[in-house]
Amino acid sequence: MLAALKVFVQPMKSGDAQLIPQPPVPLAAF
């Protein structure tokens, strides 16, 4: 689970959040 969170959190910190369609959706699943 932590690995999955990193996959969604890292891009946001890197400023590539545009590549991910609404990260809050997968984050809410945890």
C-alpha atoms as a PDB file:
ATOM      1  CA  MET A   1       0.000   0.000   0.000  1.00  0.00           C
ATOM      2  CA  LEU A   2       2.819   2.405   0.850  1.00  0.00           C
ATOM      3  CA  ALA A   3       4.351   1.806  -2.565  1.00  0.00           C
ATOM      4  CA  ALA A   4       1.050   2.739  -4.204  1.00  0.00           C
ATOM      5  CA  LEU A   5       0.837   5.916  -2.142  1.00  0.00           C
ATOM      6  CA  LYS A   6       4.365   6.901  -3.182  1.00  0.00           C
ATOM      7  CA  VAL A   7       3.413   6.443  -6.840  1.00  0.00           C
ATOM      8  CA  PHE A   8       0.629   8.998  -6.458  1.00  0.00           C
ATOM      9  CA  VAL A   9       2.398  11.322  -4.002  1.00  0.00           C
ATOM     10  CA  GLN A  10       5.751  11.585  -5.801  1.00  0.00           C
ATOM     11  CA  PRO A  11       4.307  12.976  -9.063  1.00  0.00           C
ATOM     12  CA  MET A  12       2.393  15.619  -7.095  1.00  0.00           C
ATOM     13  CA  LYS A  13       5.596  16.783  -5.380  1.00  0.00           C
ATOM     14  CA  SER A  14       7.477  16.706  -8.673  1.00  0.00           C
ATOM     15  CA  GLY A  15       4.837  18.960 -10.202  1.00  0.00           C
ATOM     16  CA  ASP A  16       3.634  16.290 -12.633  1.00  0.00           C
ATOM     17  CA  ALA A  17       0.179  16.145 -11.062  1.00  0.00           C
ATOM     18  CA  GLN A  18      -1.184  16.961 -14.521  1.00  0.00           C
ATOM     19  CA  LEU A  19      -0.301  13.426 -15.638  1.00  0.00           C
ATOM     20  CA  ILE A  20      -2.456  11.940 -12.869  1.00  0.00           C
ATOM     21  CA  PRO A  21      -6.242  12.311 -13.145  1.00  0.00           C
ATOM     22  CA  GLN A  22      -7.377  13.366  -9.665  1.00  0.00           C
ATOM     23  CA  PRO A  23      -5.036  11.549  -7.204  1.00  0.00           C
ATOM     24  CA  PRO A  24      -7.551  11.925  -4.307  1.00  0.00           C
ATOM     25  CA  VAL A  25      -9.600   9.071  -5.787  1.00  0.00           C
ATOM     26  CA  PRO A  26      -6.995   6.315  -5.220  1.00  0.00           C
ATOM     27  CA  LEU A  27      -5.869   7.948  -1.964  1.00  0.00           C
ATOM     28  CA  ALA A  28      -9.418   7.734  -0.610  1.00  0.00           C
ATOM     29  CA  ALA A  29      -9.427   4.002  -1.331  1.00  0.00           C
ATOM     30  CA  PHE A  30      -6.882   3.452   1.424  1.00  0.00           C
END
